[in-house]
Amino acid sequence: MTGLEFDYIIVGAGSAGCVLADRLSRDGRHRVLVLEAGGSDNRFWIKVPLGYGFTFRDPRVTWAYMAQPDPGLDGRTAYWPRGRVVGGSSSINAMAYVRGLAQDFDDWESAGARGWGWSAVRDTYARMEQRSGPGPGGRPCLRGDGPLRVSDLSAGMHPFSARFFDAARDMGWPVIDDMNGDAPEGLAYFASTVKDGVRCSAADAFLKPALKRGNVALIKDALVERLVFEGRRVTGVRYAQHGRQHVARARAEVILSAGAINSPQLLQLSGLGPAALLRGHGIEVVQDLGQVGSGLQDHLAITFGFAATEPTLNNRLGRRWGQGLAGLRYLLSRTGPLSVPVNQVGGFVRSGGAQAVPDMQLYCNPASYSLPERGVARVDRGPGFILSAQPCRPTSRGTVRIAAPDPTAAPEITPNSLATEADQAQALRACKLVRRLAETPTVAALIASPKGADVRTMSEDEMLAEFRARAATNYHPSCTCRMGRNATDSVLDARLRVHGIAGLRVVDASAFPNITSGNTNAPTMMLAMRAAELIVEDARRA
């Protein structure tokens, strides 16, 4: 296949790449090639909404990265799964659809990403979504005509979930219909990228319809090794597939959508990055871009589990007979416990009166479970539930650096967690918030006993120590090729073009100037949809 030529080459069939393939091919004028390092997403546990526990450690569909030992987290090495499959991380995530808060995007614009403020991105979200939920008289209805199905699954959620709303009222928090609405503060049922009981990944919503047009090609099991240059213009890519190397050429642009880990890795392997790093690995420097791989941000969450005094989802899924019945029901009707993702209730709240806007995201799940280092998630046998708090906007920033000039070698991921006093203070507030929630009359009556550490009895020093010992990534890496003003503070301009290089853009979560307050899959797809509009605009002007 050496000598393939397309108008646009997209590296990565993940959340962003799938959206780009759809949007750039819609007018039929352009030929688009999508290169995906992984294989098919046609797997049962990818399609089942509760199948997340079976896929997130599966090396057949993830990169299964391990971060460097993290001093801020007691030197622990964290597991960082990223999707290596058609659909990317949208095929293995927990399907929570969260736009983020308005100030997240206004902050993007303040950081130099002109045109990415809330008023602009809100319109993009609206065009992208088709929302399902109750209509007049409680009948199901659809709102919007976008390609991505965003579903209200509250009717299928476990009844125990409603108890979290009682606890929210105890706390004085609003109970809202939609955390993606105009008033997102408070607790709500999570909206999910699920359609008719089946995961609706970016591949399902965007790529698969695009492939039917005839002007989009998808090549799977294709590891892009480096970019191809003519001077300071990118003209194509070199990739390996089944032991053979190939070159594909782009008449217009190459777009990296390989994610917050692999996009900076590929730039560095291609000679775009910090000069000293590249020379240290014997890589010729095409452009000294010191910010490539810098600025890494992620969300950390602290989770506390409790045995419950009332039945929870554990009573259905904690034993083999219950799992069998749930599986049979799903196979027959696409309903039941397997048709609803693990995250059921959550939202954005303020941890105290000093915060002008929500600074914490909560997850309240009607089940307790473990995620072992190997194998699949295990639901506890007795009734239980979890309360989890995630500081929304960490200030610490880490790095992604190549460890070798070999494209098959995993890069070094250095999270640099809790490196600032502000983040340490946020970690303490997260623990205190869970304690306050656990001490409400509603939750106190639901707790039979703690599962592990009891946040209700901890001192402040013990809380911070517990956060360092157990807080875990929520799998939201971002900002490693961020948009900004110039090459001294960023990698991309506000139109996602790499500073100083023609014919190359980066469109994925690595382009975020700063991390959004919540889950990052929805903002990544929104960013790609808006990026496609910019790319088309620029092509018309050329």
Protein backbone atom coordinates (compact mmCIF):
# COMPACT_ATOMS: atom_id res chain seq x y z
CA MET A 1 0.00 0.00 0.00
CA THR A 2 2.97 2.30 -0.33
CA GLY A 3 2.03 5.41 -2.28
CA LEU A 4 -1.50 5.91 -0.92
CA GLU A 5 -2.60 9.53 -1.37
CA PHE A 6 -5.48 11.32 0.31
CA ASP A 7 -6.52 14.87 1.02
CA TYR A 8 -6.52 14.38 4.79
CA ILE A 9 -4.80 11.75 6.89
CA ILE A 10 -6.10 11.31 10.43
CA VAL A 11 -3.90 9.44 12.89
CA GLY A 12 -6.15 7.68 15.38
CA ALA A 13 -9.74 6.43 15.13
CA GLY A 14 -10.62 7.59 18.64
CA SER A 15 -13.08 10.12 20.02
CA ALA A 16 -11.64 12.98 17.95
CA GLY A 17 -10.50 11.10 14.85
CA CYS A 18 -13.92 9.58 14.22
CA VAL A 19 -15.61 12.98 14.39
CA LEU A 20 -13.04 14.48 12.00
CA ALA A 21 -13.50 11.64 9.50
CA ASP A 22 -17.23 12.29 9.42
CA ARG A 23 -17.10 16.08 9.23
CA LEU A 24 -14.27 16.32 6.66
CA SER A 25 -15.88 13.82 4.30
CA ARG A 26 -19.45 15.10 4.36
CA ASP A 27 -19.30 17.22 1.20
CA GLY A 28 -17.85 14.35 -0.85
CA ARG A 29 -15.03 16.51 -2.21
CA HIS A 30 -12.22 15.16 -0.06
CA ARG A 31 -10.70 11.73 0.41
CA VAL A 32 -9.91 10.92 4.03
CA LEU A 33 -7.67 8.19 5.43
CA VAL A 34 -7.95 7.12 9.07
CA LEU A 35 -5.08 5.09 10.53
CA GLU A 36 -5.80 3.17 13.74
CA ALA A 37 -3.15 1.27 15.71
CA GLY A 38 -5.75 -1.09 17.17
CA GLY A 39 -8.26 -3.50 15.72
CA SER A 40 -12.00 -3.90 15.44
CA ASP A 41 -14.40 -2.73 18.14
CA ASN A 42 -16.78 -5.56 17.34
CA ARG A 43 -16.48 -7.13 20.79
CA PHE A 44 -19.33 -8.06 23.11
CA TRP A 45 -17.95 -6.36 26.22
CA ILE A 46 -17.27 -3.14 24.28
CA LYS A 47 -20.90 -2.97 23.21
CA VAL A 48 -22.42 -3.80 26.62
CA PRO A 49 -22.68 -0.62 28.73
CA LEU A 50 -21.60 -2.35 31.94
CA GLY A 51 -18.79 -4.11 30.08
CA TYR A 52 -16.29 -1.41 31.01
CA GLY A 53 -15.02 -3.61 33.84
CA PHE A 54 -14.04 -6.27 31.31
CA THR A 55 -12.18 -4.05 28.85
CA PHE A 56 -10.24 -1.37 30.68
CA ARG A 57 -7.37 -3.76 31.47
CA ASP A 58 -7.59 -5.81 28.28
CA PRO A 59 -4.31 -5.38 26.34
CA ARG A 60 -6.12 -6.34 23.13
CA VAL A 61 -8.02 -3.03 23.18
CA THR A 62 -5.87 -0.70 25.33
CA TRP A 63 -2.32 0.60 25.35
CA ALA A 64 -2.16 -0.46 29.02
CA TYR A 65 0.35 2.22 29.94
CA MET A 66 1.94 2.54 33.37
CA ALA A 67 2.86 5.98 34.65
CA GLN A 68 6.18 6.71 36.32
CA PRO A 69 6.37 6.41 40.13
CA ASP A 70 4.54 9.46 41.43
CA PRO A 71 6.10 11.17 44.49
CA GLY A 72 2.86 13.02 45.24
CA LEU A 73 1.04 9.69 45.50
CA ASP A 74 3.54 7.91 47.77
CA GLY A 75 5.65 6.79 44.82
CA ARG A 76 2.88 4.65 43.37
CA THR A 77 2.82 3.66 39.69
CA ALA A 78 -0.63 4.16 38.21
CA TYR A 79 -2.26 2.23 35.40
CA TRP A 80 -3.23 4.54 32.50
CA PRO A 81 -5.40 2.70 29.94
CA ARG A 82 -5.91 4.43 26.61
CA GLY A 83 -8.04 2.95 23.85
CA ARG A 84 -6.18 1.00 21.19
CA VAL A 85 -9.20 -0.04 19.16
CA VAL A 86 -11.60 1.50 16.66
CA GLY A 87 -13.39 4.17 18.67
CA GLY A 88 -10.35 4.70 20.89
CA SER A 89 -11.12 5.49 24.50
CA SER A 90 -14.78 6.09 23.61
CA SER A 91 -14.96 2.31 23.12
CA ILE A 92 -13.63 1.46 26.58
CA ASN A 93 -14.74 4.38 28.78
CA ALA A 94 -17.62 4.48 31.27
CA MET A 95 -19.79 6.45 28.80
CA ALA A 96 -20.48 9.43 31.10
CA TYR A 97 -21.39 12.40 28.91
CA VAL A 98 -20.37 15.63 30.64
CA ARG A 99 -19.86 18.85 28.69
CA GLY A 100 -17.95 20.66 31.44
CA LEU A 101 -18.64 24.02 33.02
CA ALA A 102 -18.90 27.32 31.16
CA GLN A 103 -15.84 28.80 32.85
CA ASP A 104 -13.69 25.90 31.61
CA PHE A 105 -13.99 27.15 28.06
CA ASP A 106 -13.81 30.83 28.90
CA ASP A 107 -10.51 29.90 30.55
CA TRP A 108 -9.43 28.25 27.29
CA GLU A 109 -9.99 31.52 25.50
CA SER A 110 -8.12 33.45 28.20
CA ALA A 111 -5.18 31.08 27.69
CA GLY A 112 -4.92 32.11 24.04
CA ALA A 113 -7.40 29.74 22.37
CA ARG A 114 -9.42 32.48 20.70
CA GLY A 115 -12.86 31.39 19.57
CA TRP A 116 -13.12 28.57 22.13
CA GLY A 117 -15.18 30.38 24.77
CA TRP A 118 -18.40 28.93 26.16
CA SER A 119 -20.76 30.71 23.76
CA ALA A 120 -18.99 29.14 20.77
CA VAL A 121 -18.56 25.63 22.12
CA ARG A 122 -22.11 25.48 23.50
CA ASP A 123 -23.43 25.85 19.97
CA THR A 124 -21.11 23.09 18.78
CA TYR A 125 -22.34 20.75 21.50
CA ALA A 126 -25.94 21.42 20.47
CA ARG A 127 -25.22 20.50 16.85
CA MET A 128 -23.41 17.33 17.89
CA GLU A 129 -26.04 15.82 20.18
CA GLN A 130 -29.28 13.95 19.91
CA ARG A 131 -30.68 13.75 23.44
CA SER A 132 -33.12 11.06 24.54
CA GLY A 133 -35.29 11.44 27.60
CA PRO A 134 -38.84 11.71 28.87
CA GLY A 135 -41.16 14.01 26.95
CA PRO A 136 -44.74 15.16 27.49
CA GLY A 137 -46.69 12.69 29.59
CA GLY A 138 -43.48 10.81 30.38
CA ARG A 139 -43.26 9.35 26.89
CA PRO A 140 -39.74 8.88 25.44
CA CYS A 141 -38.68 11.56 23.01
CA LEU A 142 -35.59 12.74 21.10
CA ARG A 143 -34.32 16.31 21.05
CA GLY A 144 -31.79 17.55 18.52
CA ASP A 145 -30.64 15.97 15.28
CA GLY A 146 -26.93 15.51 15.91
CA PRO A 147 -25.19 12.21 15.18
CA LEU A 148 -24.27 11.39 18.80
CA ARG A 149 -26.93 9.75 20.96
CA VAL A 150 -26.86 11.04 24.54
CA SER A 151 -29.35 9.11 26.65
CA ASP A 152 -31.16 9.64 29.92
CA LEU A 153 -31.03 6.14 31.44
CA SER A 154 -32.54 7.05 34.81
CA ALA A 155 -35.54 4.76 34.29
CA GLY A 156 -33.20 1.77 34.21
CA MET A 157 -30.99 2.77 37.13
CA HIS A 158 -31.08 0.99 40.47
CA PRO A 159 -33.66 2.41 42.92
CA PHE A 160 -30.91 2.90 45.50
CA SER A 161 -29.53 5.72 43.34
CA ALA A 162 -32.46 7.94 44.32
CA ARG A 163 -31.20 7.88 47.91
CA PHE A 164 -28.25 10.02 46.85
CA PHE A 165 -30.69 12.77 45.90
CA ASP A 166 -32.15 12.63 49.41
CA ALA A 167 -28.59 13.11 50.69
CA ALA A 168 -28.08 16.06 48.33
CA ARG A 169 -31.12 17.74 49.84
CA ASP A 170 -29.65 17.10 53.28
CA MET A 171 -26.54 18.97 52.09
CA GLY A 172 -28.58 21.84 50.64
CA TRP A 173 -27.51 21.01 47.09
CA PRO A 174 -29.84 21.34 44.11
CA VAL A 175 -31.20 18.16 42.56
CA ILE A 176 -31.22 18.92 38.84
CA ASP A 177 -32.52 17.27 35.68
CA ASP A 178 -29.38 17.71 33.60
CA MET A 179 -25.76 18.38 34.59
CA ASN A 180 -25.21 19.49 30.96
CA GLY A 181 -27.90 22.17 31.18
CA ASP A 182 -27.74 25.89 31.78
CA ALA A 183 -27.62 25.39 35.58
CA PRO A 184 -25.23 22.45 36.02
CA GLU A 185 -24.53 22.81 39.75
CA GLY A 186 -26.02 20.02 41.86
CA LEU A 187 -26.62 16.28 41.63
CA ALA A 188 -28.28 14.51 38.70
CA TYR A 189 -28.42 11.22 36.91
CA PHE A 190 -25.51 10.91 34.48
CA ALA A 191 -26.32 11.16 30.79
CA SER A 192 -24.60 8.41 28.82
CA THR A 193 -23.44 7.72 25.27
CA VAL A 194 -25.74 4.71 24.97
CA LYS A 195 -28.27 3.98 22.24
CA ASP A 196 -30.98 1.35 22.64
CA GLY A 197 -29.05 -0.47 25.36
CA VAL A 198 -25.74 -0.51 23.44
CA ARG A 199 -22.65 1.71 23.75
CA CYS A 200 -22.67 4.56 21.25
CA SER A 201 -18.97 5.28 20.76
CA ALA A 202 -17.49 7.92 18.49
CA ALA A 203 -16.98 5.15 15.95
CA ASP A 204 -20.67 4.21 16.06
CA ALA A 205 -21.91 7.79 15.83
CA PHE A 206 -19.43 9.27 13.37
CA LEU A 207 -16.94 6.92 11.72
CA LYS A 208 -19.19 4.07 10.62
CA PRO A 209 -21.65 6.36 8.80
CA ALA A 210 -18.69 8.13 7.18
CA LEU A 211 -17.22 4.87 5.91
CA LYS A 212 -20.40 4.28 3.90
CA ARG A 213 -19.74 7.37 1.77
CA GLY A 214 -16.92 5.80 -0.18
CA ASN A 215 -14.45 8.66 0.27
CA VAL A 216 -13.23 7.54 3.72
CA ALA A 217 -10.79 4.67 4.24
CA LEU A 218 -9.95 3.04 7.57
CA ILE A 219 -6.76 1.03 8.00
CA LYS A 220 -6.59 -0.92 11.27
CA ASP A 221 -3.56 -2.35 13.05
CA ALA A 222 -1.54 0.52 11.57
CA LEU A 223 1.06 2.00 13.92
CA VAL A 224 2.18 5.41 12.68
CA GLU A 225 5.93 5.61 13.28
CA ARG A 226 6.72 9.15 12.17
CA LEU A 227 5.62 12.09 10.09
CA VAL A 228 7.02 12.69 6.61
CA PHE A 229 8.34 16.19 5.86
CA GLU A 230 9.28 18.33 2.91
CA GLY A 231 11.19 21.11 4.64
CA ARG A 232 8.91 22.38 7.39
CA ARG A 233 5.74 21.03 5.82
CA VAL A 234 4.26 17.67 6.74
CA THR A 235 3.29 15.78 3.61
CA GLY A 236 2.42 12.35 4.96
CA VAL A 237 3.11 9.58 7.46
CA ARG A 238 5.09 6.38 7.66
CA TYR A 239 3.28 3.50 9.35
CA ALA A 240 3.79 -0.18 10.05
CA GLN A 241 1.17 -2.86 9.54
CA HIS A 242 1.67 -6.60 9.97
CA GLY A 243 5.45 -6.28 9.83
CA ARG A 244 5.62 -4.09 6.73
CA GLN A 245 6.23 -0.35 6.43
CA HIS A 246 4.08 1.92 4.28
CA VAL A 247 3.91 5.60 3.40
CA ALA A 248 0.69 7.53 2.91
CA ARG A 249 0.71 11.07 1.55
CA ALA A 250 -1.63 13.96 2.34
CA ARG A 251 -2.42 16.57 -0.27
CA ALA A 252 -3.89 18.94 2.32
CA GLU A 253 -3.08 18.06 5.94
CA VAL A 254 -2.10 15.41 8.45
CA ILE A 255 -4.12 15.56 11.65
CA LEU A 256 -2.93 13.84 14.82
CA SER A 257 -5.81 12.50 16.90
CA ALA A 258 -3.85 9.86 18.75
CA GLY A 259 -4.66 11.18 22.22
CA ALA A 260 -2.92 13.00 25.03
CA ILE A 261 -0.21 10.35 25.33
CA ASN A 262 0.41 9.22 21.77
CA SER A 263 0.12 12.55 19.94
CA PRO A 264 3.05 14.16 21.79
CA GLN A 265 4.95 10.88 21.48
CA LEU A 266 4.56 10.91 17.70
CA LEU A 267 5.54 14.57 17.45
CA GLN A 268 8.71 13.89 19.42
CA LEU A 269 9.55 10.78 17.38
CA SER A 270 9.20 12.95 14.27
CA GLY A 271 11.61 15.66 15.43
CA LEU A 272 9.09 18.12 16.88
CA GLY A 273 9.65 18.74 20.57
CA PRO A 274 12.21 19.78 23.16
CA ALA A 275 15.54 19.82 21.30
CA ALA A 276 17.60 18.41 24.17
CA LEU A 277 15.22 15.46 24.57
CA LEU A 278 15.26 14.68 20.87
CA ARG A 279 19.03 14.93 20.51
CA GLY A 280 19.43 12.73 23.56
CA HIS A 281 17.64 9.99 21.63
CA GLY A 282 19.49 10.64 18.38
CA ILE A 283 16.48 12.20 16.65
CA GLU A 284 17.08 15.02 14.20
CA VAL A 285 15.39 18.21 15.38
CA VAL A 286 12.98 19.56 12.78
CA GLN A 287 11.53 22.21 15.09
CA ASP A 288 12.49 22.95 18.68
CA LEU A 289 9.10 23.00 20.41
CA GLY A 290 9.73 22.86 24.12
CA GLN A 291 6.06 22.53 25.10
CA VAL A 292 5.42 19.25 23.27
CA GLY A 293 4.57 16.72 25.97
CA SER A 294 4.49 19.33 28.73
CA GLY A 295 1.44 20.60 30.59
CA LEU A 296 -0.07 17.15 31.28
CA GLN A 297 -3.19 17.37 33.43
CA ASP A 298 -5.48 14.66 34.77
CA HIS A 299 -8.24 14.23 37.33
CA LEU A 300 -7.62 12.35 40.56
CA ALA A 301 -10.52 10.93 42.57
CA ILE A 302 -10.69 9.56 46.09
CA THR A 303 -13.27 6.84 46.64
CA PHE A 304 -14.72 5.48 49.87
CA GLY A 305 -16.83 2.33 50.00
CA PHE A 306 -19.52 1.32 52.46
CA ALA A 307 -21.55 -1.77 53.23
CA ALA A 308 -25.22 -0.82 52.92
CA THR A 309 -28.28 -1.37 55.07
CA GLU A 310 -30.50 -1.55 51.97
CA PRO A 311 -30.23 -3.65 48.79
CA THR A 312 -28.00 -2.22 46.09
CA LEU A 313 -26.83 -3.34 42.67
CA ASN A 314 -24.54 -5.79 44.47
CA ASN A 315 -27.57 -7.86 45.39
CA ARG A 316 -28.13 -8.45 41.67
CA LEU A 317 -24.58 -8.63 40.33
CA GLY A 318 -22.55 -9.84 43.30
CA ARG A 319 -23.45 -13.50 42.79
CA ARG A 320 -23.23 -15.75 39.76
CA TRP A 321 -26.95 -16.48 39.57
CA GLY A 322 -27.69 -12.74 39.50
CA GLN A 323 -25.06 -12.17 36.84
CA GLY A 324 -26.58 -14.97 34.76
CA LEU A 325 -30.09 -13.53 35.01
CA ALA A 326 -28.82 -10.06 34.14
CA GLY A 327 -26.96 -11.44 31.15
CA LEU A 328 -30.01 -13.33 29.90
CA ARG A 329 -32.20 -10.27 30.26
CA TYR A 330 -29.70 -8.17 28.34
CA LEU A 331 -29.41 -10.69 25.51
CA LEU A 332 -33.19 -10.91 25.19
CA SER A 333 -34.15 -7.25 25.53
CA ARG A 334 -31.06 -5.00 25.85
CA THR A 335 -32.39 -3.91 29.25
CA GLY A 336 -31.54 -4.54 32.88
CA PRO A 337 -28.39 -3.90 34.93
CA LEU A 338 -26.00 -4.55 32.04
CA SER A 339 -27.63 -1.86 29.91
CA VAL A 340 -26.68 0.98 32.28
CA PRO A 341 -23.08 2.20 32.81
CA VAL A 342 -21.43 2.04 36.21
CA ASN A 343 -21.78 5.78 36.93
CA GLN A 344 -25.39 6.53 37.82
CA VAL A 345 -25.56 9.68 39.98
CA GLY A 346 -23.11 12.56 40.30
CA GLY A 347 -22.59 16.21 39.64
CA PHE A 348 -20.72 19.42 40.28
CA VAL A 349 -20.79 20.98 43.74
CA ARG A 350 -18.88 23.52 45.79
CA SER A 351 -16.77 22.10 48.59
CA GLY A 352 -17.29 25.22 50.72
CA GLY A 353 -18.59 28.75 50.81
CA ALA A 354 -15.33 30.26 49.55
CA GLN A 355 -15.69 28.76 46.07
CA ALA A 356 -17.39 31.01 43.53
CA VAL A 357 -18.09 28.09 41.19
CA PRO A 358 -18.27 24.31 41.62
CA ASP A 359 -14.83 22.90 42.40
CA MET A 360 -15.67 19.21 42.93
CA GLN A 361 -17.26 16.50 40.80
CA LEU A 362 -19.02 13.74 42.72
CA TYR A 363 -19.72 10.14 41.74
CA CYS A 364 -22.29 8.25 43.82
CA ASN A 365 -22.71 4.66 42.69
CA PRO A 366 -25.24 2.10 43.99
CA ALA A 367 -22.62 -0.66 44.04
CA SER A 368 -19.26 -1.41 45.61
CA TYR A 369 -16.58 -3.19 43.65
CA SER A 370 -12.86 -3.64 43.22
CA LEU A 371 -10.62 -3.11 40.20
CA PRO A 372 -7.80 -5.65 40.58
CA GLU A 373 -4.41 -5.12 38.97
CA ARG A 374 -5.14 -8.06 36.70
CA GLY A 375 -8.40 -9.41 35.38
CA VAL A 376 -11.84 -7.81 35.48
CA ALA A 377 -13.81 -5.74 37.97
CA ARG A 378 -15.35 -7.67 40.86
CA VAL A 379 -18.65 -6.64 42.43
CA ASP A 380 -18.86 -7.21 46.18
CA ARG A 381 -21.32 -9.93 47.28
CA GLY A 382 -23.07 -7.98 50.03
CA PRO A 383 -24.97 -4.72 49.49
CA GLY A 384 -22.69 -1.72 49.21
CA PHE A 385 -22.14 1.66 47.59
CA ILE A 386 -19.36 4.17 46.95
CA LEU A 387 -18.91 7.90 47.30
CA SER A 388 -16.18 9.50 45.22
CA ALA A 389 -14.95 13.09 44.95
CA GLN A 390 -12.76 14.53 42.19
CA PRO A 391 -11.21 18.03 42.38
CA CYS A 392 -12.30 19.69 39.15
CA ARG A 393 -9.39 21.88 38.15
CA PRO A 394 -5.97 20.67 39.33
CA THR A 395 -3.06 23.07 38.92
CA SER A 396 -0.19 20.55 38.81
CA ARG A 397 1.21 19.70 35.40
CA GLY A 398 3.21 16.68 34.33
CA THR A 399 4.94 15.48 31.17
CA VAL A 400 4.92 12.86 28.45
CA ARG A 401 8.37 12.07 27.07
CA ILE A 402 9.62 9.43 24.67
CA ALA A 403 11.79 6.85 26.40
CA ALA A 404 13.48 5.70 23.18
CA PRO A 405 13.46 6.50 19.45
CA ASP A 406 11.49 3.27 18.97
CA PRO A 407 7.78 3.96 18.18
CA THR A 408 6.80 0.67 19.86
CA ALA A 409 8.36 1.72 23.18
CA ALA A 410 5.93 3.15 25.72
CA PRO A 411 6.57 6.82 26.53
CA GLU A 412 7.36 7.99 30.04
CA ILE A 413 4.24 9.43 31.68
CA THR A 414 5.07 11.64 34.67
CA PRO A 415 1.81 12.85 36.29
CA ASN A 416 3.46 15.08 38.93
CA SER A 417 0.35 14.75 41.10
CA LEU A 418 -0.28 17.10 44.05
CA ALA A 419 2.82 19.11 43.15
CA THR A 420 1.21 22.37 44.21
CA GLU A 421 -0.13 23.50 47.57
CA ALA A 422 -3.41 24.36 45.85
CA ASP A 423 -3.85 20.74 44.73
CA GLN A 424 -3.02 19.43 48.18
CA ALA A 425 -5.67 21.74 49.62
CA GLN A 426 -8.16 20.48 47.02
CA ALA A 427 -7.36 16.87 47.97
CA LEU A 428 -8.14 17.64 51.59
CA ARG A 429 -11.40 19.38 50.63
CA ALA A 430 -12.41 16.35 48.56
CA CYS A 431 -12.06 14.06 51.57
CA LYS A 432 -13.92 16.49 53.82
CA LEU A 433 -16.72 16.70 51.27
CA VAL A 434 -17.17 12.93 51.25
CA ARG A 435 -17.17 12.94 55.06
CA ARG A 436 -19.90 15.58 55.17
CA LEU A 437 -21.95 13.59 52.67
CA ALA A 438 -21.46 10.37 54.63
CA GLU A 439 -22.61 12.11 57.81
CA THR A 440 -25.93 13.34 56.38
CA PRO A 441 -28.97 11.71 57.98
CA THR A 442 -29.77 9.90 54.74
CA VAL A 443 -26.34 8.36 54.12
CA ALA A 444 -25.64 7.70 57.79
CA ALA A 445 -28.74 5.50 57.87
CA LEU A 446 -27.55 3.65 54.77
CA ILE A 447 -24.10 2.79 56.14
CA ALA A 448 -23.79 -0.60 57.81
CA SER A 449 -20.01 -0.31 58.04
CA PRO A 450 -17.10 1.20 56.10
CA LYS A 451 -15.31 -0.90 53.52
CA GLY A 452 -11.69 -0.09 54.26
CA ALA A 453 -10.68 3.32 55.57
CA ASP A 454 -13.44 5.28 57.34
CA VAL A 455 -13.34 8.92 56.27
CA ARG A 456 -15.71 9.85 59.10
CA THR A 457 -13.04 9.27 61.76
CA MET A 458 -9.99 10.79 60.04
CA SER A 459 -8.01 13.86 61.02
CA GLU A 460 -6.94 16.31 58.30
CA ASP A 461 -3.45 14.81 58.21
CA GLU A 462 -4.93 11.34 57.87
CA MET A 463 -7.19 12.49 55.04
CA LEU A 464 -4.32 13.90 53.01
CA ALA A 465 -2.29 10.77 53.69
CA GLU A 466 -5.25 8.65 52.55
CA PHE A 467 -5.55 10.68 49.35
CA ARG A 468 -1.85 10.18 48.62
CA ALA A 469 -2.13 6.46 49.36
CA ARG A 470 -5.29 5.66 47.38
CA ALA A 471 -6.42 8.43 45.03
CA ALA A 472 -6.57 7.19 41.47
CA THR A 473 -6.64 8.65 38.00
CA ASN A 474 -10.07 9.09 36.45
CA TYR A 475 -8.44 8.48 33.05
CA HIS A 476 -8.70 12.08 31.79
CA PRO A 477 -5.19 12.93 30.49
CA SER A 478 -5.07 16.16 28.53
CA CYS A 479 -3.16 19.35 27.62
CA THR A 480 0.12 17.81 26.34
CA CYS A 481 -0.11 19.64 22.98
CA ARG A 482 -2.16 22.55 24.22
CA MET A 483 -3.46 25.54 22.32
CA GLY A 484 -2.04 28.93 23.27
CA ARG A 485 -0.51 32.17 22.11
CA ASN A 486 2.87 31.10 20.73
CA ALA A 487 5.56 28.44 20.87
CA THR A 488 6.82 29.62 24.25
CA ASP A 489 3.61 28.71 26.05
CA SER A 490 1.97 26.11 23.81
CA VAL A 491 2.22 23.71 20.87
CA LEU A 492 -0.77 24.83 18.81
CA ASP A 493 -2.43 28.04 17.76
CA ALA A 494 -6.15 28.58 18.24
CA ARG A 495 -6.87 26.79 14.96
CA LEU A 496 -4.98 23.72 16.21
CA ARG A 497 -2.03 24.20 13.84
CA VAL A 498 1.41 23.24 15.15
CA HIS A 499 3.54 26.35 15.61
CA GLY A 500 6.05 26.76 12.78
CA ILE A 501 4.97 23.67 10.82
CA ALA A 502 2.67 23.62 7.80
CA GLY A 503 0.23 20.87 6.94
CA LEU A 504 -0.08 19.57 10.51
CA ARG A 505 -2.68 19.89 13.27
CA VAL A 506 -3.34 18.12 16.53
CA VAL A 507 -6.98 17.53 17.39
CA ASP A 508 -7.66 15.57 20.56
CA ALA A 509 -7.63 16.07 24.34
CA SER A 510 -3.94 16.97 24.19
CA ALA A 511 -5.02 20.28 22.61
CA PHE A 512 -6.96 21.42 25.70
CA PRO A 513 -5.30 24.55 27.17
CA ASN A 514 -6.40 23.29 30.56
CA ILE A 515 -8.42 20.34 31.76
CA THR A 516 -12.20 20.72 31.89
CA SER A 517 -14.01 20.30 35.20
CA GLY A 518 -15.51 16.89 34.40
CA ASN A 519 -15.20 13.86 32.15
CA THR A 520 -13.27 14.63 29.00
CA ASN A 521 -14.87 12.50 26.28
CA ALA A 522 -17.64 14.98 25.42
CA PRO A 523 -15.25 17.98 25.22
CA THR A 524 -12.90 15.95 23.02
CA MET A 525 -15.64 15.18 20.50
CA MET A 526 -16.84 18.79 20.62
CA LEU A 527 -13.30 20.01 19.99
CA ALA A 528 -13.01 17.75 16.94
CA MET A 529 -16.31 18.87 15.50
CA ARG A 530 -15.34 22.53 15.84
CA ALA A 531 -11.84 21.80 14.54
CA ALA A 532 -13.31 20.25 11.39
CA GLU A 533 -15.19 23.48 10.74
CA LEU A 534 -11.97 25.45 11.09
CA ILE A 535 -10.13 23.08 8.76
CA VAL A 536 -12.83 23.44 6.11
CA GLU A 537 -12.76 27.24 6.49
CA ASP A 538 -8.99 27.31 6.03
CA ALA A 539 -9.18 25.04 2.98
CA ARG A 540 -11.66 27.39 1.32
CA ARG A 541 -9.39 30.37 1.91
CA ALA A 542 -6.29 28.62 0.58
